C-alpha atoms as a PDB file:
ATOM      1  CA  MET A   1    -157.263 -24.801-114.858  1.00  0.00           C
ATOM      2  CA  PHE A   2    -159.698 -21.990-115.651  1.00  0.00           C
ATOM      3  CA  GLY A   3    -157.640 -21.111-118.707  1.00  0.00           C
ATOM      4  CA  ARG A   4    -158.063 -24.644-120.043  1.00  0.00           C
ATOM      5  CA  ILE A   5    -161.870 -24.540-119.806  1.00  0.00           C
ATOM      6  CA  ALA A   6    -162.373 -20.908-120.872  1.00  0.00           C
ATOM      7  CA  GLY A   7    -163.863 -21.730-124.263  1.00  0.00           C
ATOM      8  CA  ARG A   8    -166.614 -23.942-122.792  1.00  0.00           C
ATOM      9  CA  TYR A   9    -167.018 -22.204-119.437  1.00  0.00           C
ATOM     10  CA  ASP A  10    -170.240 -20.338-120.279  1.00  0.00           C
ATOM     11  CA  LEU A  11    -171.803 -23.395-121.897  1.00  0.00           C
ATOM     12  CA  MET A  12    -170.974 -25.578-118.910  1.00  0.00           C
ATOM     13  CA  ASN A  13    -172.414 -23.037-116.463  1.00  0.00           C
ATOM     14  CA  ALA A  14    -175.671 -22.983-118.405  1.00  0.00           C
ATOM     15  CA  LEU A  15    -175.860 -26.776-118.616  1.00  0.00           C
ATOM     16  CA  MET A  16    -175.111 -27.584-114.986  1.00  0.00           C
ATOM     17  CA  THR A  17    -177.476 -24.911-113.601  1.00  0.00           C
ATOM     18  CA  GLY A  18    -180.252 -25.193-116.177  1.00  0.00           C
ATOM     19  CA  GLY A  19    -179.620 -21.534-117.021  1.00  0.00           C
ATOM     20  CA  LEU A  20    -180.325 -20.415-113.450  1.00  0.00           C
ATOM     21  CA  ASP A  21    -176.816 -18.963-113.079  1.00  0.00           C
ATOM     22  CA  ARG A  22    -178.082 -15.965-115.068  1.00  0.00           C
ATOM     23  CA  VAL A  23    -180.896 -15.403-112.566  1.00  0.00           C
ATOM     24  CA  TRP A  24    -178.514 -15.704-109.622  1.00  0.00           C
ATOM     25  CA  ARG A  25    -176.077 -13.197-111.109  1.00  0.00           C
ATOM     26  CA  ARG A  26    -178.862 -10.702-111.644  1.00  0.00           C
ATOM     27  CA  ARG A  27    -179.830 -11.112-107.989  1.00  0.00           C
ATOM     28  CA  ALA A  28    -176.216 -10.457-106.966  1.00  0.00           C
ATOM     29  CA  ALA A  29    -176.059  -7.373-109.181  1.00  0.00           C
ATOM     30  CA  ALA A  30    -179.258  -6.066-107.602  1.00  0.00           C
ATOM     31  CA  ALA A  31    -177.789  -6.676-104.129  1.00  0.00           C
ATOM     32  CA  ALA A  32    -174.896  -4.358-105.048  1.00  0.00           C
ATOM     33  CA  ALA A  33    -177.449  -1.495-104.942  1.00  0.00           C
ATOM     34  CA  LEU A  34    -175.594   0.630-107.464  1.00  0.00           C
ATOM     35  CA  PRO A  35    -176.763   4.222-107.861  1.00  0.00           C
ATOM     36  CA  ARG A  36    -177.597   5.838-111.187  1.00  0.00           C
ATOM     37  CA  GLY A  37    -174.300   6.541-112.935  1.00  0.00           C
ATOM     38  CA  GLY A  38    -172.432   4.298-110.502  1.00  0.00           C
ATOM     39  CA  PHE A  39    -169.010   2.722-110.938  1.00  0.00           C
ATOM     40  CA  ALA A  40    -168.678  -1.006-110.246  1.00  0.00           C
ATOM     41  CA  LEU A  41    -165.938  -3.621-110.053  1.00  0.00           C
ATOM     42  CA  ASP A  42    -166.473  -7.299-110.876  1.00  0.00           C
ATOM     43  CA  VAL A  43    -163.705  -9.324-109.208  1.00  0.00           C
ATOM     44  CA  GLY A  44    -162.938 -12.626-110.923  1.00  0.00           C
ATOM     45  CA  THR A  45    -165.070 -11.530-113.847  1.00  0.00           C
ATOM     46  CA  GLY A  46    -164.189 -14.540-116.005  1.00  0.00           C
ATOM     47  CA  THR A  47    -165.931 -13.954-119.341  1.00  0.00           C
ATOM     48  CA  GLY A  48    -167.739 -10.878-117.994  1.00  0.00           C
ATOM     49  CA  ASP A  49    -171.276 -11.982-117.150  1.00  0.00           C
ATOM     50  CA  LEU A  50    -171.589 -10.333-113.740  1.00  0.00           C
ATOM     51  CA  ALA A  51    -170.052  -7.110-115.060  1.00  0.00           C
ATOM     52  CA  PHE A  52    -172.788  -7.010-117.705  1.00  0.00           C
ATOM     53  CA  ASP A  53    -175.489  -7.496-115.073  1.00  0.00           C
ATOM     54  CA  LEU A  54    -173.978  -4.750-112.919  1.00  0.00           C
ATOM     55  CA  VAL A  55    -174.122  -2.371-115.896  1.00  0.00           C
ATOM     56  CA  ARG A  56    -177.763  -3.279-116.501  1.00  0.00           C
ATOM     57  CA  SER A  57    -178.749  -2.908-112.836  1.00  0.00           C
ATOM     58  CA  ALA A  58    -179.082   0.904-112.931  1.00  0.00           C
ATOM     59  CA  PRO A  59    -178.957   3.611-115.610  1.00  0.00           C
ATOM     60  CA  GLY A  60    -175.537   4.942-116.536  1.00  0.00           C
ATOM     61  CA  VAL A  61    -173.494   2.365-114.621  1.00  0.00           C
ATOM     62  CA  GLN A  62    -169.919   1.708-115.750  1.00  0.00           C
ATOM     63  CA  ALA A  63    -168.099  -1.479-114.748  1.00  0.00           C
ATOM     64  CA  ILE A  64    -164.577  -2.838-114.757  1.00  0.00           C
ATOM     65  CA  GLY A  65    -164.021  -6.584-114.796  1.00  0.00           C
ATOM     66  CA  VAL A  66    -160.777  -7.869-113.313  1.00  0.00           C
ATOM     67  CA  ASP A  67    -159.496 -11.423-113.605  1.00  0.00           C
ATOM     68  CA  TYR A  68    -156.209 -13.247-113.184  1.00  0.00           C
ATOM     69  CA  THR A  69    -156.808 -15.772-115.988  1.00  0.00           C
ATOM     70  CA  ALA A  70    -155.979 -14.273-119.373  1.00  0.00           C
ATOM     71  CA  PRO A  71    -157.856 -16.820-121.560  1.00  0.00           C
ATOM     72  CA  MET A  72    -161.070 -16.161-119.613  1.00  0.00           C
ATOM     73  CA  LEU A  73    -160.674 -12.388-119.602  1.00  0.00           C
ATOM     74  CA  GLY A  74    -159.840 -12.388-123.304  1.00  0.00           C
ATOM     75  CA  LEU A  75    -163.367 -13.523-124.142  1.00  0.00           C
ATOM     76  CA  ALA A  76    -165.093 -10.650-122.306  1.00  0.00           C
ATOM     77  CA  PRO A  77    -164.549  -7.769-124.795  1.00  0.00           C
ATOM     78  CA  GLY A  78    -166.108  -9.719-127.648  1.00  0.00           C
ATOM     79  CA  LYS A  79    -169.137 -10.571-125.522  1.00  0.00           C
ATOM     80  CA  ALA A  80    -169.453  -6.909-124.537  1.00  0.00           C
ATOM     81  CA  ARG A  81    -169.491  -5.853-128.191  1.00  0.00           C
ATOM     82  CA  ARG A  82    -172.129  -8.445-129.077  1.00  0.00           C
ATOM     83  CA  LEU A  83    -174.310  -7.272-126.183  1.00  0.00           C
ATOM     84  CA  GLY A  84    -173.874  -3.596-127.042  1.00  0.00           C
ATOM     85  CA  LEU A  85    -172.105  -2.946-123.721  1.00  0.00           C
ATOM     86  CA  ALA A  86    -168.571  -2.235-124.908  1.00  0.00           C
ATOM     87  CA  LEU A  87    -168.744   1.453-123.972  1.00  0.00           C
ATOM     88  CA  GLN A  88    -169.930   0.678-120.436  1.00  0.00           C
ATOM     89  CA  THR A  89    -167.347  -1.997-119.621  1.00  0.00           C
ATOM     90  CA  SER A  90    -163.589  -2.325-119.501  1.00  0.00           C
ATOM     91  CA  TRP A  91    -161.259  -5.154-118.555  1.00  0.00           C
ATOM     92  CA  VAL A  92    -158.103  -5.404-116.466  1.00  0.00           C
ATOM     93  CA  ARG A  93    -155.917  -8.407-115.769  1.00  0.00           C
ATOM     94  CA  GLY A  94    -155.098  -8.458-112.073  1.00  0.00           C
ATOM     95  CA  ASP A  95    -155.020 -10.345-108.789  1.00  0.00           C
ATOM     96  CA  GLY A  96    -158.077 -10.109-106.543  1.00  0.00           C
ATOM     97  CA  GLN A  97    -155.787 -10.315-103.497  1.00  0.00           C
ATOM     98  CA  ALA A  98    -153.868  -7.213-104.654  1.00  0.00           C
ATOM     99  CA  LEU A  99    -156.342  -5.146-106.658  1.00  0.00           C
ATOM    100  CA  PRO A 100    -154.671  -2.592-108.972  1.00  0.00           C
ATOM    101  CA  PHE A 101    -156.961   0.303-108.030  1.00  0.00           C
ATOM    102  CA  PRO A 102    -156.756   3.224-105.570  1.00  0.00           C
ATOM    103  CA  ASP A 103    -158.662   3.278-102.295  1.00  0.00           C
ATOM    104  CA  ALA A 104    -162.393   4.132-102.407  1.00  0.00           C
ATOM    105  CA  THR A 105    -162.669   3.945-106.211  1.00  0.00           C
ATOM    106  CA  PHE A 106    -165.952   2.050-106.691  1.00  0.00           C
ATOM    107  CA  ASP A 107    -169.570   2.391-105.607  1.00  0.00           C
ATOM    108  CA  ALA A 108    -169.809  -1.400-105.364  1.00  0.00           C
ATOM    109  CA  VAL A 109    -167.522  -4.408-105.690  1.00  0.00           C
ATOM    110  CA  ALA A 110    -169.062  -7.755-106.599  1.00  0.00           C
ATOM    111  CA  SER A 111    -168.090 -11.308-107.471  1.00  0.00           C
ATOM    112  CA  ALA A 112    -169.860 -14.486-108.573  1.00  0.00           C
ATOM    113  CA  PHE A 113    -168.570 -17.971-107.769  1.00  0.00           C
ATOM    114  CA  VAL A 114    -165.132 -16.544-106.983  1.00  0.00           C
ATOM    115  CA  LEU A 115    -164.745 -16.305-103.195  1.00  0.00           C
ATOM    116  CA  ARG A 116    -164.015 -20.016-102.696  1.00  0.00           C
ATOM    117  CA  ASN A 117    -161.115 -19.815-105.162  1.00  0.00           C
ATOM    118  CA  PHE A 118    -158.994 -17.359-103.147  1.00  0.00           C
ATOM    119  CA  ALA A 119    -155.947 -18.717-101.360  1.00  0.00           C
ATOM    120  CA  ASP A 120    -156.464 -16.013 -98.700  1.00  0.00           C
ATOM    121  CA  LEU A 121    -160.136 -15.062 -98.531  1.00  0.00           C
ATOM    122  CA  GLY A 122    -159.614 -12.593 -95.703  1.00  0.00           C
ATOM    123  CA  ARG A 123    -157.078 -10.648 -97.739  1.00  0.00           C
ATOM    124  CA  ALA A 124    -159.324 -10.687-100.816  1.00  0.00           C
ATOM    125  CA  LEU A 125    -162.228  -9.270 -98.809  1.00  0.00           C
ATOM    126  CA  ALA A 126    -159.952  -6.624 -97.321  1.00  0.00           C
ATOM    127  CA  GLU A 127    -158.914  -5.587-100.821  1.00  0.00           C
ATOM    128  CA  MET A 128    -162.537  -5.340-101.913  1.00  0.00           C
ATOM    129  CA  ALA A 129    -163.304  -3.246 -98.829  1.00  0.00           C
ATOM    130  CA  ARG A 130    -160.324  -1.023 -99.572  1.00  0.00           C
ATOM    131  CA  VAL A 131    -161.405  -0.113-103.108  1.00  0.00           C
ATOM    132  CA  VAL A 132    -165.116   0.429-102.354  1.00  0.00           C
ATOM    133  CA  ARG A 133    -166.273   3.884-101.334  1.00  0.00           C
ATOM    134  CA  PRO A 134    -167.698   4.545 -97.845  1.00  0.00           C
ATOM    135  CA  GLY A 135    -171.340   3.516 -97.931  1.00  0.00           C
ATOM    136  CA  GLY A 136    -170.721   1.168-100.865  1.00  0.00           C
ATOM    137  CA  ARG A 137    -171.296  -2.564-100.876  1.00  0.00           C
ATOM    138  CA  VAL A 138    -169.127  -5.623-101.328  1.00  0.00           C
ATOM    139  CA  VAL A 139    -171.217  -8.529-102.654  1.00  0.00           C
ATOM    140  CA  GLY A 140    -170.277 -12.150-103.280  1.00  0.00           C
ATOM    141  CA  LEU A 141    -172.527 -14.812-104.816  1.00  0.00           C
ATOM    142  CA  GLU A 142    -171.272 -18.249-103.837  1.00  0.00           C
ATOM    143  CA  ILE A 143    -172.276 -21.888-103.591  1.00  0.00           C
ATOM    144  CA  SER A 144    -172.599 -22.794 -99.916  1.00  0.00           C
ATOM    145  CA  PRO A 145    -172.084 -26.054 -97.990  1.00  0.00           C
ATOM    146  CA  THR A 146    -175.122 -25.147 -95.850  1.00  0.00           C
ATOM    147  CA  GLY A 147    -178.857 -25.554 -96.371  1.00  0.00           C
ATOM    148  CA  SER A 148    -181.516 -28.076 -95.446  1.00  0.00           C
ATOM    149  CA  ARG A 149    -180.130 -31.563 -94.862  1.00  0.00           C
ATOM    150  CA  ALA A 150    -182.266 -33.281 -97.507  1.00  0.00           C
ATOM    151  CA  TRP A 151    -181.599 -30.612-100.131  1.00  0.00           C
ATOM    152  CA  GLN A 152    -177.882 -30.608 -99.402  1.00  0.00           C
ATOM    153  CA  ALA A 153    -177.773 -34.378 -99.868  1.00  0.00           C
ATOM    154  CA  LEU A 154    -179.334 -34.067-103.330  1.00  0.00           C
ATOM    155  CA  PHE A 155    -177.195 -31.035-104.166  1.00  0.00           C
ATOM    156  CA  SER A 156    -174.002 -32.834-103.122  1.00  0.00           C
ATOM    157  CA  LEU A 157    -174.943 -35.968-105.057  1.00  0.00           C
ATOM    158  CA  TYR A 158    -175.446 -33.909-108.193  1.00  0.00           C
ATOM    159  CA  PHE A 159    -172.268 -31.832-107.878  1.00  0.00           C
ATOM    160  CA  GLN A 160    -170.041 -34.703-106.821  1.00  0.00           C
ATOM    161  CA  ASN A 161    -171.247 -37.282-109.338  1.00  0.00           C
ATOM    162  CA  VAL A 162    -173.150 -35.780-112.271  1.00  0.00           C
ATOM    163  CA  VAL A 163    -171.328 -32.480-112.803  1.00  0.00           C
ATOM    164  CA  PRO A 164    -167.808 -33.998-113.097  1.00  0.00           C
ATOM    165  CA  ILE A 165    -169.030 -36.421-115.780  1.00  0.00           C
ATOM    166  CA  VAL A 166    -170.812 -33.709-117.769  1.00  0.00           C
ATOM    167  CA  GLY A 167    -167.840 -31.366-117.304  1.00  0.00           C
ATOM    168  CA  ALA A 168    -165.431 -33.964-118.644  1.00  0.00           C
ATOM    169  CA  ILE A 169    -167.612 -34.510-121.728  1.00  0.00           C
ATOM    170  CA  VAL A 170    -168.269 -30.830-122.459  1.00  0.00           C
ATOM    171  CA  THR A 171    -164.854 -29.340-121.633  1.00  0.00           C
ATOM    172  CA  GLY A 172    -162.557 -32.347-121.943  1.00  0.00           C
ATOM    173  CA  ASP A 173    -161.130 -31.468-118.522  1.00  0.00           C
ATOM    174  CA  PRO A 174    -162.419 -33.744-115.721  1.00  0.00           C
ATOM    175  CA  THR A 175    -160.085 -32.167-113.149  1.00  0.00           C
ATOM    176  CA  ALA A 176    -161.842 -28.786-113.230  1.00  0.00           C
ATOM    177  CA  TYR A 177    -165.236 -30.183-112.348  1.00  0.00           C
ATOM    178  CA  ARG A 178    -163.919 -32.407-109.613  1.00  0.00           C
ATOM    179  CA  TYR A 179    -162.365 -29.283-108.114  1.00  0.00           C
ATOM    180  CA  LEU A 180    -165.773 -27.544-107.962  1.00  0.00           C
ATOM    181  CA  PRO A 181    -167.461 -29.817-105.365  1.00  0.00           C
ATOM    182  CA  ALA A 182    -164.241 -30.074-103.360  1.00  0.00           C
ATOM    183  CA  SER A 183    -163.956 -26.277-103.145  1.00  0.00           C
ATOM    184  CA  VAL A 184    -167.608 -25.968-102.120  1.00  0.00           C
ATOM    185  CA  ALA A 185    -167.222 -28.519 -99.329  1.00  0.00           C
ATOM    186  CA  ALA A 186    -164.308 -26.532 -97.887  1.00  0.00           C
ATOM    187  CA  PHE A 187    -166.032 -23.139 -98.103  1.00  0.00           C
ATOM    188  CA  PRO A 188    -166.929 -21.309 -94.864  1.00  0.00           C
ATOM    189  CA  THR A 189    -170.475 -20.924 -93.561  1.00  0.00           C
ATOM    190  CA  PRO A 190    -172.359 -17.648 -94.119  1.00  0.00           C
ATOM    191  CA  GLU A 191    -171.771 -16.800 -90.462  1.00  0.00           C
ATOM    192  CA  ARG A 192    -168.022 -17.165 -90.910  1.00  0.00           C
ATOM    193  CA  ILE A 193    -168.099 -15.072 -94.083  1.00  0.00           C
ATOM    194  CA  GLY A 194    -169.830 -12.362 -92.072  1.00  0.00           C
ATOM    195  CA  GLU A 195    -167.015 -12.490 -89.523  1.00  0.00           C
ATOM    196  CA  LEU A 196    -164.397 -12.209 -92.266  1.00  0.00           C
ATOM    197  CA  MET A 197    -166.228  -9.232 -93.762  1.00  0.00           C
ATOM    198  CA  ALA A 198    -166.288  -7.515 -90.382  1.00  0.00           C
ATOM    199  CA  THR A 199    -162.545  -8.093 -89.980  1.00  0.00           C
ATOM    200  CA  ALA A 200    -162.055  -6.602 -93.459  1.00  0.00           C
ATOM    201  CA  GLY A 201    -163.776  -3.389 -92.395  1.00  0.00           C
ATOM    202  CA  LEU A 202    -167.303  -4.072 -93.644  1.00  0.00           C
ATOM    203  CA  GLU A 203    -170.639  -4.124 -91.840  1.00  0.00           C
ATOM    204  CA  PRO A 204    -172.176  -7.502 -92.814  1.00  0.00           C
ATOM    205  CA  LEU A 205    -175.742  -7.585 -94.104  1.00  0.00           C
ATOM    206  CA  PRO A 206    -178.038 -10.585 -93.581  1.00  0.00           C
ATOM    207  CA  PRO A 207    -177.126 -13.252 -96.152  1.00  0.00           C
ATOM    208  CA  GLN A 208    -179.609 -13.852 -98.965  1.00  0.00           C
ATOM    209  CA  ARG A 209    -180.135 -17.609 -99.266  1.00  0.00           C
ATOM    210  CA  LEU A 210    -181.127 -19.073-102.636  1.00  0.00           C
ATOM    211  CA  MET A 211    -181.948 -22.654-103.629  1.00  0.00           C
ATOM    212  CA  ARG A 212    -182.800 -23.567-100.018  1.00  0.00           C
ATOM    213  CA  GLY A 213    -179.480 -22.257 -98.778  1.00  0.00           C
ATOM    214  CA  SER A 214    -177.276 -24.007-101.330  1.00  0.00           C
ATOM    215  CA  LEU A 215    -176.366 -20.619-102.763  1.00  0.00           C
ATOM    216  CA  VAL A 216    -175.847 -17.466-100.748  1.00  0.00           C
ATOM    217  CA  ILE A 217    -175.427 -13.802-101.636  1.00  0.00           C
ATOM    218  CA  HIS A 218    -173.012 -12.431 -99.039  1.00  0.00           C
ATOM    219  CA  ALA A 219    -172.925  -8.647 -98.665  1.00  0.00           C
ATOM    220  CA  GLY A 220    -171.286  -6.026 -96.503  1.00  0.00           C
ATOM    221  CA  VAL A 221    -171.248  -2.230 -96.410  1.00  0.00           C
ATOM    222  CA  ARG A 222    -168.171  -0.108 -95.899  1.00  0.00           C
ATOM    223  CA  ALA A 223    -168.949   2.228 -93.022  1.00  0.00           C
ATOM    224  CA  ALA A 224    -169.717   5.741 -94.248  1.00  0.00           C
ATOM    225  CA  SER A 225    -167.604   7.220 -91.447  1.00  0.00           C
ATOM    226  CA  SER A 226    -164.650   4.912 -92.090  1.00  0.00           C
ATOM    227  CA  GLY A 227    -161.495   6.891 -92.553  1.00  0.00           C
ATOM    228  CA  SER A 228    -158.963   4.146 -92.044  1.00  0.00           C
ATOM    229  CA  ARG A 229    -158.134   1.077 -94.045  1.00  0.00           C
ATOM    230  CA  PRO A 230    -158.736  -2.452 -92.770  1.00  0.00           C
ATOM    231  CA  GLU A 231    -155.781  -3.777 -90.848  1.00  0.00           C
ATOM    232  CA  ASN A 232    -155.049  -6.538 -93.359  1.00  0.00           C
ATOM    233  CA  ALA A 233    -155.491  -4.427 -96.506  1.00  0.00           C
ATOM    234  CA  ARG A 234    -152.608  -3.917 -98.881  1.00  0.00           C
ATOM    235  CA  ALA A 235    -150.138  -1.260 -97.806  1.00  0.00           C
END
């Protein structure tokens, strides 16, 4: 599905959010709290936007973007060259539930609008916890089914009725943008995400709520004294 819409994915994101997706990604990159010269991983990088924001978040940062969908990932190197970020970014095709990196490789691991797409979210979080260094953060920006009742009603009306129509016109694929509201409705609450992060071996931070709670930046820190891997991490 994501492969089919790859060519119009960035355009559709800009249209359906009024360009605010760029602001939200920058907030997520800031939440990763990368140090100068840090090394970051963007899980489910798509066409690379969050990886670029991670690189820009602190001087000397290098980032790897990993994604399972080849047509999406194939667009990222060209964008990096156009933005002058080719030397600070690299790209790997891989599965977020079995990340192809050694333990404790990265200073931060981040994702944007990816968590609700995992078949096994607990395993994905455990993998992110495995590859982040002690003291490093795992950050996930995600649409949330929570928020004020009135705002959620408007938000749901928009995503369930307007977005699928616009998505069908722009991408020619109505299925993809019917999937989006369905996946949001099934997504866990911020409290449950915190529990899953704790099970994965992370210390959850207070969620950052955007757009009156309709978007949330979830974050957790790998304990600095942690010497063992989470129980459900990859062997």
